[in-house]
Amino acid sequence: MFDGMMIPFIMLLIVTIALLLERKHQEDKVVEIYEKKLDEWKEHSTHKKEEPKKCKELVGLVFKEESSIIIETFDNQTTDKIERKKYTIESRGV
């Protein structure tokens, strides 16, 4: 009873195994190609790390009260620099 179906079943099993092995082989080949391309890209890449741009930092406020100028600082280091006259004045207005 099973003798008539045994040969097609074995052939189907062999074809299935062959297709699975071929697919695995092709997948490995594609992965190898992409890894090779990635290595080439890393060699020829001109990406340079740029240093972050130094920005101004708010360290105090300047007020005008009647005829005097008042400078309020947020930390002692800034106060020390002002007392040692290590600053520049930039005019942004009229």
PDB file of N, CA and C in Angstrom:
ATOM      1  N   MET A   1       0.806  -1.179   0.000  1.00  0.00           N
ATOM      2  CA  MET A   1       0.000   0.000   0.000  1.00  0.00           C
ATOM      3  C   MET A   1       0.862   1.261   0.000  1.00  0.00           C
ATOM      4  N   PHE A   2       1.925   1.284   0.781  1.00  0.00           N
ATOM      5  CA  PHE A   2       2.796   2.441   0.835  1.00  0.00           C
ATOM      6  C   PHE A   2       3.901   2.388  -0.201  1.00  0.00           C
ATOM      7  N   ASP A   3       4.060   1.283  -0.887  1.00  0.00           N
ATOM      8  CA  ASP A   3       5.142   1.155  -1.860  1.00  0.00           C
ATOM      9  C   ASP A   3       4.966   2.129  -3.022  1.00  0.00           C
ATOM     10  N   GLY A   4       3.766   2.402  -3.446  1.00  0.00           N
ATOM     11  CA  GLY A   4       3.527   3.294  -4.567  1.00  0.00           C
ATOM     12  C   GLY A   4       3.804   4.752  -4.227  1.00  0.00           C
ATOM     13  N   MET A   5       3.666   5.131  -2.983  1.00  0.00           N
ATOM     14  CA  MET A   5       3.867   6.526  -2.569  1.00  0.00           C
ATOM     15  C   MET A   5       5.255   6.768  -1.978  1.00  0.00           C
ATOM     16  N   MET A   6       6.015   5.739  -1.752  1.00  0.00           N
ATOM     17  CA  MET A   6       7.316   5.875  -1.105  1.00  0.00           C
ATOM     18  C   MET A   6       8.308   6.613  -2.003  1.00  0.00           C
ATOM     19  N   ILE A   7       8.366   6.307  -3.279  1.00  0.00           N
ATOM     20  CA  ILE A   7       9.331   6.924  -4.192  1.00  0.00           C
ATOM     21  C   ILE A   7       9.051   8.430  -4.340  1.00  0.00           C
ATOM     22  N   PRO A   8       7.818   8.875  -4.598  1.00  0.00           N
ATOM     23  CA  PRO A   8       7.586  10.333  -4.674  1.00  0.00           C
ATOM     24  C   PRO A   8       7.873  11.054  -3.355  1.00  0.00           C
ATOM     25  N   PHE A   9       7.570  10.406  -2.233  1.00  0.00           N
ATOM     26  CA  PHE A   9       7.849  11.017  -0.938  1.00  0.00           C
ATOM     27  C   PHE A   9       9.342  11.218  -0.729  1.00  0.00           C
ATOM     28  N   ILE A  10      10.142  10.236  -1.067  1.00  0.00           N
ATOM     29  CA  ILE A  10      11.604  10.335  -0.932  1.00  0.00           C
ATOM     30  C   ILE A  10      12.136  11.422  -1.861  1.00  0.00           C
ATOM     31  N   MET A  11      11.612  11.485  -3.092  1.00  0.00           N
ATOM     32  CA  MET A  11      12.049  12.524  -4.034  1.00  0.00           C
ATOM     33  C   MET A  11      11.692  13.920  -3.502  1.00  0.00           C
ATOM     34  N   LEU A  12      10.496  14.064  -2.940  1.00  0.00           N
ATOM     35  CA  LEU A  12      10.082  15.343  -2.382  1.00  0.00           C
ATOM     36  C   LEU A  12      10.962  15.730  -1.200  1.00  0.00           C
ATOM     37  N   LEU A  13      11.305  14.774  -0.379  1.00  0.00           N
ATOM     38  CA  LEU A  13      12.177  15.017   0.761  1.00  0.00           C
ATOM     39  C   LEU A  13      13.562  15.464   0.293  1.00  0.00           C
ATOM     40  N   ILE A  14      14.114  14.813  -0.726  1.00  0.00           N
ATOM     41  CA  ILE A  14      15.433  15.175  -1.259  1.00  0.00           C
ATOM     42  C   ILE A  14      15.407  16.582  -1.854  1.00  0.00           C
ATOM     43  N   VAL A  15      14.363  16.899  -2.622  1.00  0.00           N
ATOM     44  CA  VAL A  15      14.252  18.232  -3.227  1.00  0.00           C
ATOM     45  C   VAL A  15      14.130  19.293  -2.138  1.00  0.00           C
ATOM     46  N   THR A  16      13.354  19.030  -1.091  1.00  0.00           N
ATOM     47  CA  THR A  16      13.185  19.986   0.000  1.00  0.00           C
ATOM     48  C   THR A  16      14.508  20.251   0.710  1.00  0.00           C
ATOM     49  N   ILE A  17      15.238  19.191   1.007  1.00  0.00           N
ATOM     50  CA  ILE A  17      16.541  19.342   1.669  1.00  0.00           C
ATOM     51  C   ILE A  17      17.509  20.106   0.770  1.00  0.00           C
ATOM     52  N   ALA A  18      17.528  19.803  -0.520  1.00  0.00           N
ATOM     53  CA  ALA A  18      18.418  20.503  -1.459  1.00  0.00           C
ATOM     54  C   ALA A  18      18.079  21.997  -1.524  1.00  0.00           C
ATOM     55  N   LEU A  19      16.779  22.321  -1.561  1.00  0.00           N
ATOM     56  CA  LEU A  19      16.385  23.730  -1.607  1.00  0.00           C
ATOM     57  C   LEU A  19      16.756  24.473  -0.319  1.00  0.00           C
ATOM     58  N   LEU A  20      16.604  23.814   0.816  1.00  0.00           N
ATOM     59  CA  LEU A  20      16.993  24.434   2.079  1.00  0.00           C
ATOM     60  C   LEU A  20      18.500  24.703   2.134  1.00  0.00           C
ATOM     61  N   LEU A  21      19.287  23.737   1.693  1.00  0.00           N
ATOM     62  CA  LEU A  21      20.741  23.919   1.680  1.00  0.00           C
ATOM     63  C   LEU A  21      21.161  25.018   0.708  1.00  0.00           C
ATOM     64  N   GLU A  22      20.517  25.081  -0.459  1.00  0.00           N
ATOM     65  CA  GLU A  22      20.830  26.120  -1.440  1.00  0.00           C
ATOM     66  C   GLU A  22      20.470  27.497  -0.888  1.00  0.00           C
ATOM     67  N   ARG A  23      19.342  27.606  -0.218  1.00  0.00           N
ATOM     68  CA  ARG A  23      18.943  28.897   0.363  1.00  0.00           C
ATOM     69  C   ARG A  23      19.941  29.343   1.423  1.00  0.00           C
ATOM     70  N   LYS A  24      20.358  28.429   2.271  1.00  0.00           N
ATOM     71  CA  LYS A  24      21.340  28.742   3.312  1.00  0.00           C
ATOM     72  C   LYS A  24      22.644  29.207   2.672  1.00  0.00           C
ATOM     73  N   HIS A  25      23.060  28.549   1.621  1.00  0.00           N
ATOM     74  CA  HIS A  25      24.294  28.916   0.918  1.00  0.00           C
ATOM     75  C   HIS A  25      24.180  30.334   0.333  1.00  0.00           C
ATOM     76  N   GLN A  26      23.049  30.651  -0.297  1.00  0.00           N
ATOM     77  CA  GLN A  26      22.851  31.974  -0.899  1.00  0.00           C
ATOM     78  C   GLN A  26      22.776  33.066   0.178  1.00  0.00           C
ATOM     79  N   GLU A  27      22.126  32.781   1.290  1.00  0.00           N
ATOM     80  CA  GLU A  27      22.058  33.759   2.381  1.00  0.00           C
ATOM     81  C   GLU A  27      23.448  34.057   2.933  1.00  0.00           C
ATOM     82  N   ASP A  28      24.257  33.027   3.123  1.00  0.00           N
ATOM     83  CA  ASP A  28      25.622  33.225   3.604  1.00  0.00           C
ATOM     84  C   ASP A  28      26.443  34.053   2.615  1.00  0.00           C
ATOM     85  N   LYS A  29      26.228  33.816   1.343  1.00  0.00           N
ATOM     86  CA  LYS A  29      26.938  34.539   0.297  1.00  0.00           C
ATOM     87  C   LYS A  29      26.574  36.024   0.312  1.00  0.00           C
ATOM     88  N   VAL A  30      25.277  36.327   0.462  1.00  0.00           N
ATOM     89  CA  VAL A  30      24.829  37.718   0.505  1.00  0.00           C
ATOM     90  C   VAL A  30      25.379  38.419   1.750  1.00  0.00           C
ATOM     91  N   VAL A  31      25.346  37.761   2.894  1.00  0.00           N
ATOM     92  CA  VAL A  31      25.871  38.347   4.124  1.00  0.00           C
ATOM     93  C   VAL A  31      27.369  38.633   3.969  1.00  0.00           C
ATOM     94  N   GLU A  32      28.096  37.721   3.363  1.00  0.00           N
ATOM     95  CA  GLU A  32      29.533  37.912   3.133  1.00  0.00           C
ATOM     96  C   GLU A  32      29.786  39.118   2.241  1.00  0.00           C
ATOM     97  N   ILE A  33      28.988  39.282   1.196  1.00  0.00           N
ATOM     98  CA  ILE A  33      29.143  40.424   0.288  1.00  0.00           C
ATOM     99  C   ILE A  33      28.896  41.734   1.039  1.00  0.00           C
ATOM    100  N   TYR A  34      27.842  41.786   1.836  1.00  0.00           N
ATOM    101  CA  TYR A  34      27.542  43.012   2.569  1.00  0.00           C
ATOM    102  C   TYR A  34      28.595  43.323   3.627  1.00  0.00           C
ATOM    103  N   GLU A  35      29.132  42.305   4.284  1.00  0.00           N
ATOM    104  CA  GLU A  35      30.203  42.546   5.256  1.00  0.00           C
ATOM    105  C   GLU A  35      31.448  43.087   4.565  1.00  0.00           C
ATOM    106  N   LYS A  36      31.755  42.564   3.383  1.00  0.00           N
ATOM    107  CA  LYS A  36      32.894  43.046   2.620  1.00  0.00           C
ATOM    108  C   LYS A  36      32.687  44.508   2.208  1.00  0.00           C
ATOM    109  N   LYS A  37      31.486  44.842   1.746  1.00  0.00           N
ATOM    110  CA  LYS A  37      31.178  46.221   1.361  1.00  0.00           C
ATOM    111  C   LYS A  37      31.253  47.152   2.567  1.00  0.00           C
ATOM    112  N   LEU A  38      30.808  46.700   3.730  1.00  0.00           N
ATOM    113  CA  LEU A  38      30.882  47.511   4.936  1.00  0.00           C
ATOM    114  C   LEU A  38      32.330  47.793   5.316  1.00  0.00           C
ATOM    115  N   ASP A  39      33.185  46.780   5.237  1.00  0.00           N
ATOM    116  CA  ASP A  39      34.604  46.973   5.532  1.00  0.00           C
ATOM    117  C   ASP A  39      35.243  47.953   4.554  1.00  0.00           C
ATOM    118  N   GLU A  40      34.889  47.859   3.268  1.00  0.00           N
ATOM    119  CA  GLU A  40      35.415  48.805   2.275  1.00  0.00           C
ATOM    120  C   GLU A  40      34.932  50.217   2.580  1.00  0.00           C
ATOM    121  N   TRP A  41      33.675  50.344   2.957  1.00  0.00           N
ATOM    122  CA  TRP A  41      33.134  51.659   3.270  1.00  0.00           C
ATOM    123  C   TRP A  41      33.839  52.267   4.475  1.00  0.00           C
ATOM    124  N   LYS A  42      34.126  51.432   5.491  1.00  0.00           N
ATOM    125  CA  LYS A  42      34.817  51.926   6.681  1.00  0.00           C
ATOM    126  C   LYS A  42      36.212  52.426   6.324  1.00  0.00           C
ATOM    127  N   GLU A  43      36.892  51.756   5.404  1.00  0.00           N
ATOM    128  CA  GLU A  43      38.232  52.171   5.006  1.00  0.00           C
ATOM    129  C   GLU A  43      38.205  53.502   4.266  1.00  0.00           C
ATOM    130  N   HIS A  44      37.224  53.706   3.405  1.00  0.00           N
ATOM    131  CA  HIS A  44      37.193  54.882   2.543  1.00  0.00           C
ATOM    132  C   HIS A  44      36.329  56.009   3.095  1.00  0.00           C
ATOM    133  N   SER A  45      35.733  55.798   4.231  1.00  0.00           N
ATOM    134  CA  SER A  45      34.853  56.811   4.806  1.00  0.00           C
ATOM    135  C   SER A  45      35.678  58.004   5.273  1.00  0.00           C
ATOM    136  N   THR A  46      35.170  59.185   5.023  1.00  0.00           N
ATOM    137  CA  THR A  46      35.882  60.400   5.425  1.00  0.00           C
ATOM    138  C   THR A  46      35.155  61.097   6.561  1.00  0.00           C
ATOM    139  N   HIS A  47      34.409  60.362   7.313  1.00  0.00           N
ATOM    140  CA  HIS A  47      33.660  60.934   8.432  1.00  0.00           C
ATOM    141  C   HIS A  47      34.643  61.353   9.516  1.00  0.00           C
ATOM    142  N   LYS A  48      34.611  62.623   9.841  1.00  0.00           N
ATOM    143  CA  LYS A  48      35.488  63.135  10.889  1.00  0.00           C
ATOM    144  C   LYS A  48      34.621  63.601  12.044  1.00  0.00           C
ATOM    145  N   LYS A  49      35.089  63.333  13.225  1.00  0.00           N
ATOM    146  CA  LYS A  49      34.366  63.799  14.390  1.00  0.00           C
ATOM    147  C   LYS A  49      34.669  65.285  14.556  1.00  0.00           C
ATOM    148  N   GLU A  50      33.605  66.070  14.579  1.00  0.00           N
ATOM    149  CA  GLU A  50      33.768  67.492  14.770  1.00  0.00           C
ATOM    150  C   GLU A  50      33.621  67.805  16.248  1.00  0.00           C
ATOM    151  N   GLU A  51      34.507  68.688  16.714  1.00  0.00           N
ATOM    152  CA  GLU A  51      34.420  69.084  18.109  1.00  0.00           C
ATOM    153  C   GLU A  51      33.202  69.983  18.276  1.00  0.00           C
ATOM    154  N   PRO A  52      32.510  69.828  19.375  1.00  0.00           N
ATOM    155  CA  PRO A  52      31.334  70.671  19.570  1.00  0.00           C
ATOM    156  C   PRO A  52      31.726  72.142  19.630  1.00  0.00           C
ATOM    157  N   LYS A  53      30.880  72.952  19.037  1.00  0.00           N
ATOM    158  CA  LYS A  53      31.118  74.378  19.000  1.00  0.00           C
ATOM    159  C   LYS A  53      30.950  74.942  20.404  1.00  0.00           C
ATOM    160  N   LYS A  54      31.913  75.759  20.824  1.00  0.00           N
ATOM    161  CA  LYS A  54      31.836  76.340  22.161  1.00  0.00           C
ATOM    162  C   LYS A  54      30.822  77.476  22.133  1.00  0.00           C
ATOM    163  N   CYS A  55      29.844  77.364  22.968  1.00  0.00           N
ATOM    164  CA  CYS A  55      28.775  78.354  23.029  1.00  0.00           C
ATOM    165  C   CYS A  55      28.985  79.275  24.228  1.00  0.00           C
ATOM    166  N   LYS A  56      28.342  80.411  24.145  1.00  0.00           N
ATOM    167  CA  LYS A  56      28.391  81.340  25.265  1.00  0.00           C
ATOM    168  C   LYS A  56      27.559  80.773  26.411  1.00  0.00           C
ATOM    169  N   GLU A  57      27.986  81.101  27.612  1.00  0.00           N
ATOM    170  CA  GLU A  57      27.295  80.610  28.795  1.00  0.00           C
ATOM    171  C   GLU A  57      26.829  81.810  29.612  1.00  0.00           C
ATOM    172  N   LEU A  58      25.601  81.787  30.054  1.00  0.00           N
ATOM    173  CA  LEU A  58      25.067  82.864  30.872  1.00  0.00           C
ATOM    174  C   LEU A  58      25.599  82.690  32.285  1.00  0.00           C
ATOM    175  N   VAL A  59      26.384  83.674  32.757  1.00  0.00           N
ATOM    176  CA  VAL A  59      26.980  83.576  34.087  1.00  0.00           C
ATOM    177  C   VAL A  59      26.582  84.738  34.992  1.00  0.00           C
ATOM    178  N   GLY A  60      25.853  85.684  34.414  1.00  0.00           N
ATOM    179  CA  GLY A  60      25.443  86.815  35.243  1.00  0.00           C
ATOM    180  C   GLY A  60      24.526  87.752  34.484  1.00  0.00           C
ATOM    181  N   LEU A  61      24.058  88.764  35.199  1.00  0.00           N
ATOM    182  CA  LEU A  61      23.175  89.767  34.630  1.00  0.00           C
ATOM    183  C   LEU A  61      23.719  91.152  34.939  1.00  0.00           C
ATOM    184  N   VAL A  62      23.496  92.081  34.007  1.00  0.00           N
ATOM    185  CA  VAL A  62      23.949  93.456  34.192  1.00  0.00           C
ATOM    186  C   VAL A  62      22.719  94.360  34.218  1.00  0.00           C
ATOM    187  N   PHE A  63      22.624  95.174  35.242  1.00  0.00           N
ATOM    188  CA  PHE A  63      21.501  96.092  35.389  1.00  0.00           C
ATOM    189  C   PHE A  63      22.011  97.518  35.509  1.00  0.00           C
ATOM    190  N   LYS A  64      21.183  98.454  35.055  1.00  0.00           N
ATOM    191  CA  LYS A  64      21.480  99.873  35.230  1.00  0.00           C
ATOM    192  C   LYS A  64      20.432 100.423  36.183  1.00  0.00           C
ATOM    193  N   GLU A  65      20.900 100.977  37.285  1.00  0.00           N
ATOM    194  CA  GLU A  65      20.005 101.549  38.281  1.00  0.00           C
ATOM    195  C   GLU A  65      20.437 102.987  38.527  1.00  0.00           C
ATOM    196  N   GLU A  66      19.624 103.901  38.087  1.00  0.00           N
ATOM    197  CA  GLU A  66      19.914 105.330  38.125  1.00  0.00           C
ATOM    198  C   GLU A  66      21.229 105.602  37.395  1.00  0.00           C
ATOM    199  N   SER A  67      22.283 105.914  38.074  1.00  0.00           N
ATOM    200  CA  SER A  67      23.537 106.217  37.380  1.00  0.00           C
ATOM    201  C   SER A  67      24.603 105.143  37.598  1.00  0.00           C
ATOM    202  N   SER A  68      24.252 104.050  38.242  1.00  0.00           N
ATOM    203  CA  SER A  68      25.249 103.006  38.510  1.00  0.00           C
ATOM    204  C   SER A  68      24.901 101.714  37.764  1.00  0.00           C
ATOM    205  N   ILE A  69      25.932 100.917  37.502  1.00  0.00           N
ATOM    206  CA  ILE A  69      25.792  99.615  36.847  1.00  0.00           C
ATOM    207  C   ILE A  69      25.943  98.533  37.913  1.00  0.00           C
ATOM    208  N   ILE A  70      25.014  97.584  37.936  1.00  0.00           N
ATOM    209  CA  ILE A  70      25.059  96.478  38.904  1.00  0.00           C
ATOM    210  C   ILE A  70      25.227  95.179  38.122  1.00  0.00           C
ATOM    211  N   ILE A  71      26.235  94.394  38.501  1.00  0.00           N
ATOM    212  CA  ILE A  71      26.481  93.099  37.864  1.00  0.00           C
ATOM    213  C   ILE A  71      26.185  92.010  38.890  1.00  0.00           C
ATOM    214  N   GLU A  72      25.229  91.151  38.557  1.00  0.00           N
ATOM    215  CA  GLU A  72      24.896  90.016  39.421  1.00  0.00           C
ATOM    216  C   GLU A  72      25.424  88.747  38.756  1.00  0.00           C
ATOM    217  N   THR A  73      26.266  88.004  39.458  1.00  0.00           N
ATOM    218  CA  THR A  73      26.841  86.777  38.904  1.00  0.00           C
ATOM    219  C   THR A  73      26.222  85.566  39.578  1.00  0.00           C
ATOM    220  N   PHE A  74      26.283  84.444  38.874  1.00  0.00           N
ATOM    221  CA  PHE A  74      25.691  83.208  39.382  1.00  0.00           C
ATOM    222  C   PHE A  74      26.697  82.302  40.093  1.00  0.00           C
ATOM    223  N   ASP A  75      27.981  82.573  39.929  1.00  0.00           N
ATOM    224  CA  ASP A  75      28.982  81.737  40.590  1.00  0.00           C
ATOM    225  C   ASP A  75      30.188  82.584  40.996  1.00  0.00           C
ATOM    226  N   ASN A  76      30.997  82.044  41.887  1.00  0.00           N
ATOM    227  CA  ASN A  76      32.148  82.775  42.422  1.00  0.00           C
ATOM    228  C   ASN A  76      33.275  82.916  41.405  1.00  0.00           C
ATOM    229  N   GLN A  77      33.399  81.978  40.494  1.00  0.00           N
ATOM    230  CA  GLN A  77      34.471  82.031  39.504  1.00  0.00           C
ATOM    231  C   GLN A  77      34.300  83.263  38.605  1.00  0.00           C
ATOM    232  N   THR A  78      33.081  83.541  38.215  1.00  0.00           N
ATOM    233  CA  THR A  78      32.810  84.711  37.379  1.00  0.00           C
ATOM    234  C   THR A  78      33.075  85.994  38.156  1.00  0.00           C
ATOM    235  N   THR A  79      32.670  86.027  39.393  1.00  0.00           N
ATOM    236  CA  THR A  79      32.919  87.204  40.235  1.00  0.00           C
ATOM    237  C   THR A  79      34.418  87.451  40.350  1.00  0.00           C
ATOM    238  N   ASP A  80      35.189  86.394  40.524  1.00  0.00           N
ATOM    239  CA  ASP A  80      36.641  86.508  40.638  1.00  0.00           C
ATOM    240  C   ASP A  80      37.249  87.068  39.351  1.00  0.00           C
ATOM    241  N   LYS A  81      36.775  86.622  38.203  1.00  0.00           N
ATOM    242  CA  LYS A  81      37.289  87.133  36.926  1.00  0.00           C
ATOM    243  C   LYS A  81      36.953  88.605  36.739  1.00  0.00           C
ATOM    244  N   ILE A  82      35.769  89.009  37.140  1.00  0.00           N
ATOM    245  CA  ILE A  82      35.387  90.414  37.021  1.00  0.00           C
ATOM    246  C   ILE A  82      36.253  91.267  37.944  1.00  0.00           C
ATOM    247  N   GLU A  83      36.501  90.797  39.146  1.00  0.00           N
ATOM    248  CA  GLU A  83      37.341  91.545  40.084  1.00  0.00           C
ATOM    249  C   GLU A  83      38.769  91.672  39.575  1.00  0.00           C
ATOM    250  N   ARG A  84      39.265  90.683  38.847  1.00  0.00           N
ATOM    251  CA  ARG A  84      40.625  90.747  38.290  1.00  0.00           C
ATOM    252  C   ARG A  84      40.650  91.442  36.927  1.00  0.00           C
ATOM    253  N   LYS A  85      39.497  91.950  36.498  1.00  0.00           N
ATOM    254  CA  LYS A  85      39.345  92.689  35.242  1.00  0.00           C
ATOM    255  C   LYS A  85      39.717  91.846  34.028  1.00  0.00           C
ATOM    256  N   LYS A  86      39.278  90.591  34.024  1.00  0.00           N
ATOM    257  CA  LYS A  86      39.498  89.700  32.881  1.00  0.00           C
ATOM    258  C   LYS A  86      38.188  89.557  32.116  1.00  0.00           C
ATOM    259  N   TYR A  87      37.820  90.612  31.389  1.00  0.00           N
ATOM    260  CA  TYR A  87      36.578  90.594  30.628  1.00  0.00           C
ATOM    261  C   TYR A  87      36.692  91.550  29.452  1.00  0.00           C
ATOM    262  N   THR A  88      35.789  91.404  28.513  1.00  0.00           N
ATOM    263  CA  THR A  88      35.686  92.320  27.381  1.00  0.00           C
ATOM    264  C   THR A  88      34.262  92.839  27.324  1.00  0.00           C
ATOM    265  N   ILE A  89      34.115  94.019  26.772  1.00  0.00           N
ATOM    266  CA  ILE A  89      32.788  94.624  26.674  1.00  0.00           C
ATOM    267  C   ILE A  89      32.402  94.672  25.213  1.00  0.00           C
ATOM    268  N   GLU A  90      31.231  94.127  24.893  1.00  0.00           N
ATOM    269  CA  GLU A  90      30.687  94.147  23.550  1.00  0.00           C
ATOM    270  C   GLU A  90      29.361  94.889  23.561  1.00  0.00           C
ATOM    271  N   SER A  91      29.204  95.851  22.677  1.00  0.00           N
ATOM    272  CA  SER A  91      27.971  96.620  22.607  1.00  0.00           C
ATOM    273  C   SER A  91      27.080  96.030  21.520  1.00  0.00           C
ATOM    274  N   ARG A  92      25.835  95.702  21.864  1.00  0.00           N
ATOM    275  CA  ARG A  92      24.898  95.111  20.907  1.00  0.00           C
ATOM    276  C   ARG A  92      23.770  96.071  20.541  1.00  0.00           C
ATOM    277  N   GLY A  93      23.776  97.227  21.099  1.00  0.00           N
ATOM    278  CA  GLY A  93      22.659  98.139  20.883  1.00  0.00           C
ATOM    279  C   GLY A  93      23.113  99.448  20.277  1.00  0.00           C
ATOM    280  N   VAL A  94      22.337 100.456  20.530  1.00  0.00           N
ATOM    281  CA  VAL A  94      22.553 101.795  19.985  1.00  0.00           C
ATOM    282  C   VAL A  94      23.788 102.441  20.554  1.00  0.00           C
TER     283      VAL A  94
END
